[in-house]
Amino acid sequence: MERKPAARILIADDHRLLAEACKALLEPEFQVIDIVTDGRSLLNAAVAMKPDVIILDISMPHLNGLDAGEQINQKMPKIALIYLTMNAKPDVAAEAFRRGACGYVLKQSAADELLTAVRKAVLGASYLSPMIAKETVTFLINKGKRRGEEDHITTRQREILQLLSEGMSMKEVGGMLDLKPGTVAFHKYRMMENLGLKTNAELLEYAIKRRIPS
């Protein structure tokens, strides 16, 4: 019988040493096709390479993992998404699954958990780290409530907010998102209006408070 080709895996994590360690762990059994270190590069690599599985962190520069994963899931739903993160909050895990994840593994877990999650993903099954209460995550998923800031700002505005909070100018944000600076400014001021914020400092403070930790 002809052996089925090894699943093709793309890794996205801004901690390069950890990403390389994951690659070393997975390569005896799977094919790691690339490592990227930010959310924008992940979107481009996913479209170009069409991996079977993506292992991604939540906290990444330019575009966080939840937003990147959601966009990938909408465009290429057959790609399995496994989050590898330090974030053990059940509501964040639930949000990941609501946005299309099939696996959620904590970085502080045993290494074989990641292997288990990938094996399950290849078979179309899901995996949640035992360090997070499954019942709580299931309850939160069934509640169907998305994270708070989404009640007030759009997906595009969240992207702009993250880039502004990383210190980019409106011109630089426009260049990265292929938007005119005036369009970025429009989104920025609409955010401030919708959130009831009056200054750039208040918007930055909001971004820091809302930012999902790694």
N, C-alpha and C. Protein backbone atom coordinates (compact mmCIF):
# COMPACT_ATOMS: atom_id res chain seq x y z
N MET A 1 0.84 -1.20 0.00
CA MET A 1 0.00 0.00 0.00
C MET A 1 0.88 1.26 0.00
N GLU A 2 0.50 2.22 -0.86
CA GLU A 2 1.28 3.45 -0.92
C GLU A 2 1.06 4.29 0.33
N ARG A 3 2.14 4.75 0.91
CA ARG A 3 2.05 5.52 2.15
C ARG A 3 1.56 6.94 1.86
N LYS A 4 0.65 7.43 2.70
CA LYS A 4 0.11 8.77 2.55
C LYS A 4 1.20 9.80 2.86
N PRO A 5 1.34 10.86 2.04
CA PRO A 5 2.37 11.87 2.31
C PRO A 5 2.18 12.51 3.68
N ALA A 6 3.30 12.89 4.30
CA ALA A 6 3.23 13.54 5.62
C ALA A 6 2.52 14.87 5.51
N ALA A 7 1.74 15.20 6.55
CA ALA A 7 1.03 16.48 6.56
C ALA A 7 2.02 17.64 6.51
N ARG A 8 1.66 18.66 5.77
CA ARG A 8 2.50 19.85 5.59
C ARG A 8 2.11 20.91 6.63
N ILE A 9 3.09 21.36 7.40
CA ILE A 9 2.82 22.24 8.54
C ILE A 9 3.54 23.57 8.38
N LEU A 10 2.81 24.66 8.66
CA LEU A 10 3.36 26.01 8.71
C LEU A 10 3.34 26.48 10.16
N ILE A 11 4.45 27.01 10.66
CA ILE A 11 4.55 27.48 12.04
C ILE A 11 4.63 29.00 12.06
N ALA A 12 3.83 29.64 12.92
CA ALA A 12 3.85 31.10 13.06
C ALA A 12 4.04 31.46 14.53
N ASP A 13 5.20 32.01 14.84
CA ASP A 13 5.50 32.42 16.22
C ASP A 13 6.63 33.42 16.17
N ASP A 14 6.49 34.53 16.91
CA ASP A 14 7.55 35.54 16.86
C ASP A 14 8.74 35.19 17.75
N HIS A 15 8.66 34.08 18.47
CA HIS A 15 9.80 33.58 19.23
C HIS A 15 10.49 32.51 18.37
N ARG A 16 11.51 32.92 17.65
CA ARG A 16 12.12 32.05 16.64
C ARG A 16 12.68 30.77 17.25
N LEU A 17 13.30 30.85 18.42
CA LEU A 17 13.89 29.66 19.02
C LEU A 17 12.81 28.63 19.35
N LEU A 18 11.68 29.09 19.85
CA LEU A 18 10.58 28.17 20.14
C LEU A 18 10.05 27.55 18.86
N ALA A 19 9.92 28.36 17.81
CA ALA A 19 9.44 27.84 16.54
C ALA A 19 10.38 26.77 15.99
N GLU A 20 11.68 27.00 16.12
CA GLU A 20 12.65 26.01 15.65
C GLU A 20 12.57 24.73 16.48
N ALA A 21 12.31 24.86 17.79
CA ALA A 21 12.15 23.69 18.64
C ALA A 21 10.92 22.88 18.22
N CYS A 22 9.84 23.59 17.89
CA CYS A 22 8.63 22.91 17.42
C CYS A 22 8.91 22.17 16.11
N LYS A 23 9.66 22.82 15.25
CA LYS A 23 10.02 22.19 13.98
C LYS A 23 10.78 20.89 14.21
N ALA A 24 11.76 20.94 15.11
CA ALA A 24 12.56 19.75 15.42
C ALA A 24 11.69 18.64 16.01
N LEU A 25 10.71 19.03 16.81
CA LEU A 25 9.81 18.04 17.42
C LEU A 25 8.93 17.37 16.38
N LEU A 26 8.46 18.15 15.42
CA LEU A 26 7.46 17.65 14.46
C LEU A 26 8.05 16.95 13.25
N GLU A 27 9.26 17.33 12.85
CA GLU A 27 9.78 16.87 11.56
C GLU A 27 10.00 15.36 11.42
N PRO A 28 10.25 14.62 12.48
CA PRO A 28 10.36 13.18 12.24
C PRO A 28 9.06 12.56 11.70
N GLU A 29 7.93 13.22 11.96
CA GLU A 29 6.63 12.65 11.57
C GLU A 29 5.91 13.49 10.51
N PHE A 30 6.17 14.79 10.50
CA PHE A 30 5.46 15.69 9.59
C PHE A 30 6.45 16.53 8.79
N GLN A 31 5.95 17.26 7.81
CA GLN A 31 6.79 18.11 6.96
C GLN A 31 6.55 19.58 7.32
N VAL A 32 7.52 20.20 7.98
CA VAL A 32 7.41 21.63 8.32
C VAL A 32 7.90 22.42 7.12
N ILE A 33 7.00 23.16 6.46
CA ILE A 33 7.33 23.81 5.20
C ILE A 33 7.88 25.23 5.37
N ASP A 34 7.59 25.87 6.52
CA ASP A 34 8.14 27.21 6.74
C ASP A 34 7.84 27.68 8.16
N ILE A 35 8.57 28.71 8.58
CA ILE A 35 8.34 29.41 9.85
C ILE A 35 8.19 30.89 9.54
N VAL A 36 7.15 31.51 10.05
CA VAL A 36 6.98 32.97 9.92
C VAL A 36 6.85 33.56 11.31
N THR A 37 7.09 34.87 11.42
CA THR A 37 7.18 35.47 12.76
C THR A 37 6.19 36.60 13.02
N ASP A 38 5.24 36.83 12.09
CA ASP A 38 4.21 37.83 12.37
C ASP A 38 2.93 37.45 11.64
N GLY A 39 1.83 38.07 12.04
CA GLY A 39 0.52 37.70 11.50
C GLY A 39 0.34 38.01 10.03
N ARG A 40 0.92 39.12 9.54
CA ARG A 40 0.80 39.45 8.12
C ARG A 40 1.54 38.44 7.25
N SER A 41 2.74 38.08 7.67
CA SER A 41 3.51 37.07 6.94
C SER A 41 2.78 35.73 6.95
N LEU A 42 2.08 35.45 8.02
CA LEU A 42 1.31 34.21 8.11
C LEU A 42 0.22 34.17 7.05
N LEU A 43 -0.52 35.27 6.90
CA LEU A 43 -1.59 35.32 5.89
C LEU A 43 -1.01 35.05 4.51
N ASN A 44 0.09 35.71 4.18
CA ASN A 44 0.70 35.55 2.86
C ASN A 44 1.20 34.13 2.64
N ALA A 45 1.85 33.56 3.67
CA ALA A 45 2.40 32.21 3.55
C ALA A 45 1.29 31.18 3.42
N ALA A 46 0.19 31.39 4.14
CA ALA A 46 -0.93 30.44 4.08
C ALA A 46 -1.51 30.38 2.67
N VAL A 47 -1.67 31.55 2.05
CA VAL A 47 -2.22 31.61 0.70
C VAL A 47 -1.25 30.98 -0.31
N ALA A 48 0.03 31.29 -0.16
CA ALA A 48 1.03 30.81 -1.12
C ALA A 48 1.32 29.32 -0.99
N MET A 49 1.35 28.81 0.25
CA MET A 49 1.81 27.44 0.48
C MET A 49 0.69 26.43 0.72
N LYS A 50 -0.47 26.92 1.13
CA LYS A 50 -1.63 26.06 1.39
C LYS A 50 -1.26 24.82 2.24
N PRO A 51 -0.81 25.04 3.47
CA PRO A 51 -0.43 23.92 4.34
C PRO A 51 -1.66 23.12 4.77
N ASP A 52 -1.41 21.95 5.30
CA ASP A 52 -2.51 21.16 5.88
C ASP A 52 -2.84 21.66 7.28
N VAL A 53 -1.80 22.06 8.01
CA VAL A 53 -1.95 22.48 9.41
C VAL A 53 -1.12 23.75 9.63
N ILE A 54 -1.68 24.69 10.38
CA ILE A 54 -0.93 25.85 10.83
C ILE A 54 -0.87 25.83 12.35
N ILE A 55 0.33 25.96 12.90
CA ILE A 55 0.53 26.11 14.33
C ILE A 55 0.87 27.57 14.57
N LEU A 56 0.05 28.27 15.34
CA LEU A 56 0.24 29.71 15.48
C LEU A 56 0.07 30.17 16.92
N ASP A 57 0.78 31.24 17.25
CA ASP A 57 0.65 31.87 18.56
C ASP A 57 -0.50 32.88 18.50
N ILE A 58 -0.98 33.32 19.65
CA ILE A 58 -2.02 34.34 19.69
C ILE A 58 -1.39 35.73 19.61
N SER A 59 -0.37 35.98 20.41
CA SER A 59 0.26 37.29 20.43
C SER A 59 1.38 37.33 19.40
N MET A 60 1.13 38.07 18.29
CA MET A 60 2.14 38.24 17.25
C MET A 60 2.10 39.67 16.75
N PRO A 61 3.24 40.20 16.27
CA PRO A 61 3.24 41.56 15.74
C PRO A 61 2.44 41.68 14.43
N HIS A 62 2.00 42.90 14.14
CA HIS A 62 1.32 43.29 12.91
C HIS A 62 -0.12 42.77 12.79
N LEU A 63 -0.37 41.55 13.24
CA LEU A 63 -1.73 41.00 13.24
C LEU A 63 -1.75 39.86 14.24
N ASN A 64 -2.63 39.94 15.25
CA ASN A 64 -2.62 38.87 16.27
C ASN A 64 -3.16 37.57 15.69
N GLY A 65 -2.86 36.48 16.38
CA GLY A 65 -3.19 35.16 15.87
C GLY A 65 -4.67 34.89 15.72
N LEU A 66 -5.49 35.45 16.60
CA LEU A 66 -6.93 35.23 16.50
C LEU A 66 -7.48 35.84 15.22
N ASP A 67 -7.09 37.08 14.91
CA ASP A 67 -7.57 37.73 13.70
C ASP A 67 -7.00 37.05 12.45
N ALA A 68 -5.72 36.70 12.51
CA ALA A 68 -5.11 36.01 11.37
C ALA A 68 -5.76 34.66 11.13
N GLY A 69 -5.97 33.91 12.21
CA GLY A 69 -6.60 32.60 12.08
C GLY A 69 -8.00 32.69 11.53
N GLU A 70 -8.75 33.69 11.96
CA GLU A 70 -10.12 33.87 11.47
C GLU A 70 -10.12 34.15 9.97
N GLN A 71 -9.22 35.00 9.51
CA GLN A 71 -9.15 35.31 8.09
C GLN A 71 -8.77 34.08 7.27
N ILE A 72 -7.83 33.30 7.79
CA ILE A 72 -7.42 32.08 7.08
C ILE A 72 -8.59 31.09 7.03
N ASN A 73 -9.30 30.95 8.14
CA ASN A 73 -10.42 30.02 8.20
C ASN A 73 -11.52 30.41 7.22
N GLN A 74 -11.74 31.71 7.05
CA GLN A 74 -12.78 32.17 6.11
C GLN A 74 -12.39 31.90 4.66
N LYS A 75 -11.10 32.05 4.34
CA LYS A 75 -10.64 31.87 2.97
C LYS A 75 -10.31 30.41 2.65
N MET A 76 -9.74 29.72 3.62
CA MET A 76 -9.27 28.33 3.39
C MET A 76 -9.67 27.44 4.57
N PRO A 77 -10.95 27.13 4.68
CA PRO A 77 -11.45 26.41 5.86
C PRO A 77 -10.88 25.00 6.04
N LYS A 78 -10.26 24.47 5.01
CA LYS A 78 -9.71 23.11 5.12
C LYS A 78 -8.39 23.09 5.89
N ILE A 79 -7.76 24.24 6.06
CA ILE A 79 -6.51 24.29 6.83
C ILE A 79 -6.82 24.17 8.32
N ALA A 80 -6.19 23.23 8.99
CA ALA A 80 -6.40 23.05 10.44
C ALA A 80 -5.55 24.05 11.21
N LEU A 81 -6.16 24.73 12.17
CA LEU A 81 -5.48 25.74 12.97
C LEU A 81 -5.28 25.24 14.40
N ILE A 82 -4.03 25.22 14.84
CA ILE A 82 -3.70 24.82 16.21
C ILE A 82 -2.98 25.97 16.88
N TYR A 83 -3.57 26.49 17.96
CA TYR A 83 -2.93 27.58 18.70
C TYR A 83 -1.98 27.00 19.73
N LEU A 84 -0.75 27.53 19.73
CA LEU A 84 0.26 27.17 20.72
C LEU A 84 0.61 28.46 21.45
N THR A 85 0.21 28.56 22.71
CA THR A 85 0.23 29.86 23.38
C THR A 85 0.48 29.71 24.88
N MET A 86 0.86 30.83 25.50
CA MET A 86 0.98 30.87 26.96
C MET A 86 -0.36 31.19 27.62
N ASN A 87 -1.33 31.60 26.83
CA ASN A 87 -2.60 32.10 27.38
C ASN A 87 -3.51 30.96 27.78
N ALA A 88 -3.73 30.81 29.09
CA ALA A 88 -4.54 29.71 29.62
C ALA A 88 -5.96 30.15 29.98
N LYS A 89 -6.36 31.35 29.55
CA LYS A 89 -7.70 31.83 29.88
C LYS A 89 -8.75 31.07 29.06
N PRO A 90 -9.76 30.49 29.72
CA PRO A 90 -10.79 29.74 28.98
C PRO A 90 -11.53 30.58 27.95
N ASP A 91 -11.75 31.88 28.24
CA ASP A 91 -12.49 32.70 27.27
C ASP A 91 -11.67 32.92 26.00
N VAL A 92 -10.34 32.98 26.12
CA VAL A 92 -9.50 33.13 24.94
C VAL A 92 -9.49 31.83 24.13
N ALA A 93 -9.41 30.70 24.83
CA ALA A 93 -9.48 29.40 24.14
C ALA A 93 -10.81 29.25 23.42
N ALA A 94 -11.89 29.64 24.08
CA ALA A 94 -13.22 29.55 23.46
C ALA A 94 -13.28 30.44 22.22
N GLU A 95 -12.70 31.63 22.31
CA GLU A 95 -12.70 32.54 21.17
C GLU A 95 -11.92 31.94 20.01
N ALA A 96 -10.80 31.26 20.31
CA ALA A 96 -10.02 30.62 19.25
C ALA A 96 -10.85 29.57 18.53
N PHE A 97 -11.56 28.75 19.28
CA PHE A 97 -12.40 27.71 18.65
C PHE A 97 -13.55 28.34 17.88
N ARG A 98 -14.12 29.43 18.39
CA ARG A 98 -15.20 30.10 17.66
C ARG A 98 -14.71 30.64 16.33
N ARG A 99 -13.42 30.97 16.26
CA ARG A 99 -12.87 31.53 15.02
C ARG A 99 -12.25 30.46 14.13
N GLY A 100 -12.47 29.20 14.44
CA GLY A 100 -12.07 28.14 13.52
C GLY A 100 -10.95 27.23 13.97
N ALA A 101 -10.45 27.38 15.19
CA ALA A 101 -9.37 26.51 15.66
C ALA A 101 -9.85 25.08 15.83
N CYS A 102 -8.93 24.15 15.64
CA CYS A 102 -9.23 22.75 15.96
C CYS A 102 -8.35 22.25 17.10
N GLY A 103 -7.41 23.10 17.54
CA GLY A 103 -6.55 22.72 18.64
C GLY A 103 -6.08 23.93 19.43
N TYR A 104 -5.87 23.73 20.74
CA TYR A 104 -5.40 24.80 21.62
C TYR A 104 -4.47 24.16 22.63
N VAL A 105 -3.17 24.44 22.49
CA VAL A 105 -2.14 23.81 23.32
C VAL A 105 -1.37 24.89 24.06
N LEU A 106 -1.12 24.67 25.34
CA LEU A 106 -0.35 25.63 26.13
C LEU A 106 1.14 25.36 25.98
N LYS A 107 1.91 26.43 25.87
CA LYS A 107 3.36 26.28 25.71
C LYS A 107 4.00 25.63 26.92
N GLN A 108 3.34 25.78 28.08
CA GLN A 108 3.89 25.18 29.29
C GLN A 108 3.52 23.71 29.44
N SER A 109 2.79 23.16 28.47
CA SER A 109 2.41 21.74 28.52
C SER A 109 3.57 20.86 28.05
N ALA A 110 3.40 19.56 28.21
CA ALA A 110 4.40 18.62 27.74
C ALA A 110 4.48 18.66 26.21
N ALA A 111 5.65 18.44 25.67
CA ALA A 111 5.86 18.54 24.22
C ALA A 111 4.97 17.58 23.44
N ASP A 112 4.70 16.40 24.02
CA ASP A 112 3.91 15.42 23.26
C ASP A 112 2.46 15.87 23.07
N GLU A 113 2.02 16.90 23.82
CA GLU A 113 0.67 17.43 23.60
C GLU A 113 0.55 18.05 22.21
N LEU A 114 1.59 18.72 21.77
CA LEU A 114 1.55 19.33 20.45
C LEU A 114 1.48 18.24 19.38
N LEU A 115 2.25 17.19 19.54
CA LEU A 115 2.18 16.07 18.60
C LEU A 115 0.78 15.47 18.56
N THR A 116 0.20 15.30 19.74
CA THR A 116 -1.16 14.75 19.81
C THR A 116 -2.15 15.65 19.10
N ALA A 117 -2.02 16.97 19.32
CA ALA A 117 -2.93 17.92 18.69
C ALA A 117 -2.82 17.87 17.16
N VAL A 118 -1.59 17.78 16.64
CA VAL A 118 -1.39 17.73 15.19
C VAL A 118 -1.95 16.43 14.63
N ARG A 119 -1.69 15.32 15.30
CA ARG A 119 -2.22 14.04 14.83
C ARG A 119 -3.75 14.07 14.76
N LYS A 120 -4.37 14.64 15.79
CA LYS A 120 -5.82 14.75 15.80
C LYS A 120 -6.32 15.67 14.68
N ALA A 121 -5.61 16.77 14.47
CA ALA A 121 -6.01 17.73 13.43
C ALA A 121 -5.99 17.08 12.06
N VAL A 122 -4.97 16.28 11.79
CA VAL A 122 -4.84 15.60 10.50
C VAL A 122 -6.02 14.65 10.27
N LEU A 123 -6.55 14.11 11.36
CA LEU A 123 -7.69 13.19 11.27
C LEU A 123 -9.03 13.92 11.35
N GLY A 124 -8.99 15.24 11.47
CA GLY A 124 -10.22 16.02 11.53
C GLY A 124 -10.82 16.16 12.91
N ALA A 125 -10.03 15.84 13.93
CA ALA A 125 -10.51 15.93 15.32
C ALA A 125 -9.92 17.17 15.99
N SER A 126 -10.44 17.50 17.18
CA SER A 126 -9.97 18.69 17.89
C SER A 126 -9.21 18.29 19.15
N TYR A 127 -8.48 19.25 19.71
CA TYR A 127 -7.69 18.99 20.92
C TYR A 127 -7.65 20.25 21.77
N LEU A 128 -7.85 20.08 23.06
CA LEU A 128 -7.72 21.17 24.03
C LEU A 128 -6.81 20.72 25.15
N SER A 129 -5.82 21.56 25.49
CA SER A 129 -4.89 21.21 26.56
C SER A 129 -5.64 20.89 27.84
N PRO A 130 -5.32 19.77 28.50
CA PRO A 130 -5.99 19.40 29.76
C PRO A 130 -5.80 20.43 30.88
N MET A 131 -4.83 21.33 30.73
CA MET A 131 -4.62 22.35 31.76
C MET A 131 -5.72 23.40 31.75
N ILE A 132 -6.56 23.40 30.72
CA ILE A 132 -7.70 24.31 30.65
C ILE A 132 -8.97 23.49 30.81
N ALA A 133 -9.89 23.95 31.65
CA ALA A 133 -11.11 23.19 31.92
C ALA A 133 -11.98 23.10 30.68
N LYS A 134 -12.16 21.91 30.16
CA LYS A 134 -12.93 21.71 28.93
C LYS A 134 -14.38 22.16 29.09
N GLU A 135 -14.95 21.89 30.26
CA GLU A 135 -16.35 22.25 30.50
C GLU A 135 -16.56 23.76 30.40
N THR A 136 -15.59 24.51 30.94
CA THR A 136 -15.69 25.97 30.90
C THR A 136 -15.60 26.49 29.47
N VAL A 137 -14.67 25.95 28.71
CA VAL A 137 -14.51 26.37 27.31
C VAL A 137 -15.77 26.04 26.51
N THR A 138 -16.30 24.84 26.70
CA THR A 138 -17.52 24.44 25.99
C THR A 138 -18.68 25.37 26.33
N PHE A 139 -18.80 25.72 27.60
CA PHE A 139 -19.86 26.64 28.03
C PHE A 139 -19.72 27.99 27.35
N LEU A 140 -18.49 28.50 27.31
CA LEU A 140 -18.25 29.81 26.71
C LEU A 140 -18.49 29.79 25.20
N ILE A 141 -18.11 28.70 24.55
CA ILE A 141 -18.36 28.58 23.11
C ILE A 141 -19.86 28.60 22.84
N ASN A 142 -20.60 27.85 23.62
CA ASN A 142 -22.05 27.76 23.42
C ASN A 142 -22.76 29.08 23.73
N LYS A 143 -22.16 29.89 24.60
CA LYS A 143 -22.75 31.21 24.86
C LYS A 143 -22.70 32.08 23.62
N GLY A 144 -21.68 31.84 22.81
CA GLY A 144 -21.58 32.54 21.54
C GLY A 144 -21.21 34.01 21.64
N LYS A 145 -20.74 34.47 22.77
CA LYS A 145 -20.39 35.90 22.92
C LYS A 145 -18.93 36.09 22.55
N ARG A 146 -18.68 36.96 21.60
CA ARG A 146 -17.32 37.28 21.21
C ARG A 146 -16.71 38.28 22.17
N ARG A 147 -15.39 38.43 22.09
CA ARG A 147 -14.68 39.29 23.04
C ARG A 147 -15.15 40.73 22.96
N GLY A 148 -15.09 41.43 24.10
CA GLY A 148 -15.73 42.72 24.29
C GLY A 148 -15.49 43.78 23.25
N GLU A 149 -14.24 43.95 22.77
CA GLU A 149 -13.98 45.06 21.88
C GLU A 149 -14.71 44.91 20.56
N GLU A 150 -15.10 43.68 20.20
CA GLU A 150 -15.77 43.47 18.93
C GLU A 150 -17.19 44.01 18.94
N ASP A 151 -17.71 44.34 20.14
CA ASP A 151 -19.01 44.98 20.21
C ASP A 151 -18.94 46.41 19.72
N HIS A 152 -17.73 46.97 19.64
CA HIS A 152 -17.57 48.40 19.38
C HIS A 152 -16.79 48.71 18.10
N ILE A 153 -15.88 47.82 17.68
CA ILE A 153 -15.05 48.13 16.53
C ILE A 153 -15.04 46.96 15.55
N THR A 154 -14.75 47.28 14.29
CA THR A 154 -14.76 46.28 13.23
C THR A 154 -13.43 45.52 13.18
N THR A 155 -13.40 44.47 12.37
CA THR A 155 -12.18 43.69 12.19
C THR A 155 -11.07 44.57 11.63
N ARG A 156 -11.39 45.39 10.61
CA ARG A 156 -10.38 46.28 10.03
C ARG A 156 -9.87 47.27 11.07
N GLN A 157 -10.76 47.78 11.91
CA GLN A 157 -10.35 48.73 12.94
C GLN A 157 -9.47 48.06 13.98
N ARG A 158 -9.73 46.81 14.31
CA ARG A 158 -8.85 46.08 15.23
C ARG A 158 -7.45 45.95 14.65
N GLU A 159 -7.37 45.67 13.34
CA GLU A 159 -6.06 45.57 12.69
C GLU A 159 -5.31 46.89 12.77
N ILE A 160 -6.01 47.96 12.46
CA ILE A 160 -5.40 49.30 12.50
C ILE A 160 -4.97 49.64 13.92
N LEU A 161 -5.81 49.32 14.88
CA LEU A 161 -5.50 49.63 16.28
C LEU A 161 -4.25 48.90 16.73
N GLN A 162 -4.10 47.63 16.36
CA GLN A 162 -2.91 46.89 16.75
C GLN A 162 -1.66 47.53 16.16
N LEU A 163 -1.71 47.89 14.90
CA LEU A 163 -0.53 48.48 14.25
C LEU A 163 -0.19 49.84 14.85
N LEU A 164 -1.20 50.66 15.13
CA LEU A 164 -0.96 51.96 15.77
C LEU A 164 -0.35 51.77 17.16
N SER A 165 -0.82 50.76 17.88
CA SER A 165 -0.32 50.51 19.23
C SER A 165 1.12 50.00 19.21
N GLU A 166 1.55 49.47 18.06
CA GLU A 166 2.94 49.03 17.91
C GLU A 166 3.87 50.18 17.52
N GLY A 167 3.30 51.39 17.42
CA GLY A 167 4.12 52.57 17.17
C GLY A 167 4.19 53.00 15.72
N MET A 168 3.41 52.39 14.85
CA MET A 168 3.42 52.79 13.43
C MET A 168 2.66 54.09 13.23
N SER A 169 3.09 54.88 12.25
CA SER A 169 2.36 56.07 11.86
C SER A 169 1.17 55.68 10.99
N MET A 170 0.24 56.61 10.78
CA MET A 170 -0.91 56.30 9.93
C MET A 170 -0.46 55.99 8.50
N LYS A 171 0.60 56.66 8.04
CA LYS A 171 1.14 56.38 6.71
C LYS A 171 1.70 54.96 6.64
N GLU A 172 2.41 54.54 7.68
CA GLU A 172 2.99 53.19 7.72
C GLU A 172 1.89 52.14 7.80
N VAL A 173 0.86 52.41 8.59
CA VAL A 173 -0.28 51.49 8.68
C VAL A 173 -0.95 51.36 7.32
N GLY A 174 -1.15 52.50 6.65
CA GLY A 174 -1.76 52.47 5.33
C GLY A 174 -0.95 51.66 4.34
N GLY A 175 0.38 51.79 4.41
CA GLY A 175 1.25 51.02 3.52
C GLY A 175 1.13 49.53 3.76
N MET A 176 1.04 49.12 5.02
CA MET A 176 0.96 47.70 5.33
C MET A 176 -0.39 47.11 4.94
N LEU A 177 -1.47 47.91 5.11
CA LEU A 177 -2.81 47.41 4.83
C LEU A 177 -3.33 47.81 3.46
N ASP A 178 -2.48 48.48 2.67
CA ASP A 178 -2.87 48.96 1.35
C ASP A 178 -4.07 49.90 1.43
N LEU A 179 -3.99 50.85 2.36
CA LEU A 179 -5.03 51.85 2.55
C LEU A 179 -4.40 53.24 2.45
N LYS A 180 -5.18 54.23 2.04
CA LYS A 180 -4.71 55.60 2.05
C LYS A 180 -4.63 56.10 3.49
N PRO A 181 -3.66 56.95 3.83
CA PRO A 181 -3.56 57.48 5.19
C PRO A 181 -4.87 58.11 5.67
N GLY A 182 -5.58 58.76 4.76
CA GLY A 182 -6.86 59.36 5.13
C GLY A 182 -7.89 58.33 5.56
N THR A 183 -7.85 57.16 4.91
CA THR A 183 -8.76 56.07 5.29
C THR A 183 -8.41 55.54 6.67
N VAL A 184 -7.10 55.43 6.94
CA VAL A 184 -6.66 54.99 8.27
C VAL A 184 -7.11 56.00 9.31
N ALA A 185 -6.95 57.28 9.01
CA ALA A 185 -7.38 58.33 9.94
C ALA A 185 -8.88 58.26 10.19
N PHE A 186 -9.65 58.00 9.13
CA PHE A 186 -11.10 57.88 9.28
C PHE A 186 -11.45 56.75 10.25
N HIS A 187 -10.82 55.58 10.06
CA HIS A 187 -11.08 54.44 10.95
C HIS A 187 -10.66 54.76 12.38
N LYS A 188 -9.53 55.44 12.51
CA LYS A 188 -9.03 55.79 13.84
C LYS A 188 -10.04 56.66 14.58
N TYR A 189 -10.53 57.68 13.92
CA TYR A 189 -11.45 58.60 14.60
C TYR A 189 -12.83 57.99 14.80
N ARG A 190 -13.23 57.08 13.92
CA ARG A 190 -14.49 56.36 14.15
C ARG A 190 -14.37 55.47 15.38
N MET A 191 -13.19 54.83 15.54
CA MET A 191 -12.95 54.02 16.74
C MET A 191 -13.07 54.87 17.98
N MET A 192 -12.41 56.00 17.97
CA MET A 192 -12.42 56.88 19.15
C MET A 192 -13.84 57.33 19.46
N GLU A 193 -14.60 57.61 18.43
CA GLU A 193 -15.98 58.04 18.63
C GLU A 193 -16.83 56.92 19.20
N ASN A 194 -16.70 55.71 18.62
CA ASN A 194 -17.51 54.57 19.07
C ASN A 194 -17.15 54.13 20.49
N LEU A 195 -15.87 54.31 20.86
CA LEU A 195 -15.39 53.88 22.17
C LEU A 195 -15.49 54.98 23.21
N GLY A 196 -15.88 56.18 22.79
CA GLY A 196 -15.99 57.29 23.73
C GLY A 196 -14.65 57.81 24.20
N LEU A 197 -13.63 57.75 23.32
CA LEU A 197 -12.29 58.20 23.67
C LEU A 197 -12.01 59.54 22.99
N LYS A 198 -11.26 60.40 23.68
CA LYS A 198 -11.07 61.76 23.18
C LYS A 198 -9.64 62.06 22.71
N THR A 199 -8.66 61.27 23.14
CA THR A 199 -7.28 61.57 22.79
C THR A 199 -6.57 60.32 22.27
N ASN A 200 -5.43 60.55 21.60
CA ASN A 200 -4.60 59.44 21.14
C ASN A 200 -4.11 58.60 22.31
N ALA A 201 -3.81 59.26 23.42
CA ALA A 201 -3.32 58.55 24.60
C ALA A 201 -4.38 57.60 25.13
N GLU A 202 -5.64 58.03 25.13
CA GLU A 202 -6.72 57.16 25.59
C GLU A 202 -6.90 55.97 24.66
N LEU A 203 -6.73 56.21 23.35
CA LEU A 203 -6.84 55.11 22.39
C LEU A 203 -5.72 54.10 22.60
N LEU A 204 -4.51 54.60 22.84
CA LEU A 204 -3.37 53.72 23.09
C LEU A 204 -3.59 52.92 24.38
N GLU A 205 -4.09 53.59 25.41
CA GLU A 205 -4.37 52.90 26.67
C GLU A 205 -5.41 51.80 26.47
N TYR A 206 -6.43 52.09 25.67
CA TYR A 206 -7.45 51.09 25.36
C TYR A 206 -6.81 49.88 24.66
N ALA A 207 -5.95 50.16 23.68
CA ALA A 207 -5.30 49.08 22.93
C ALA A 207 -4.47 48.20 23.85
N ILE A 208 -3.75 48.82 24.77
CA ILE A 208 -2.90 48.05 25.70
C ILE A 208 -3.76 47.19 26.62
N LYS A 209 -4.86 47.76 27.12
CA LYS A 209 -5.73 47.01 28.02
C LYS A 209 -6.43 45.85 27.32
N ARG A 210 -6.80 46.07 26.06
CA ARG A 210 -7.54 45.06 25.31
C ARG A 210 -6.66 44.03 24.65
N ARG A 211 -5.39 44.34 24.54
CA ARG A 211 -4.49 43.42 23.83
C ARG A 211 -4.44 42.08 24.52
N ILE A 212 -4.61 41.03 23.76
CA ILE A 212 -4.59 39.68 24.33
C ILE A 212 -3.17 39.31 24.66
N PRO A 213 -2.88 38.97 25.92
CA PRO A 213 -1.50 38.65 26.28
C PRO A 213 -1.06 37.32 25.69
N SER A 214 0.27 37.14 25.60
CA SER A 214 0.80 35.90 25.05
C SER A 214 0.64 34.76 26.04
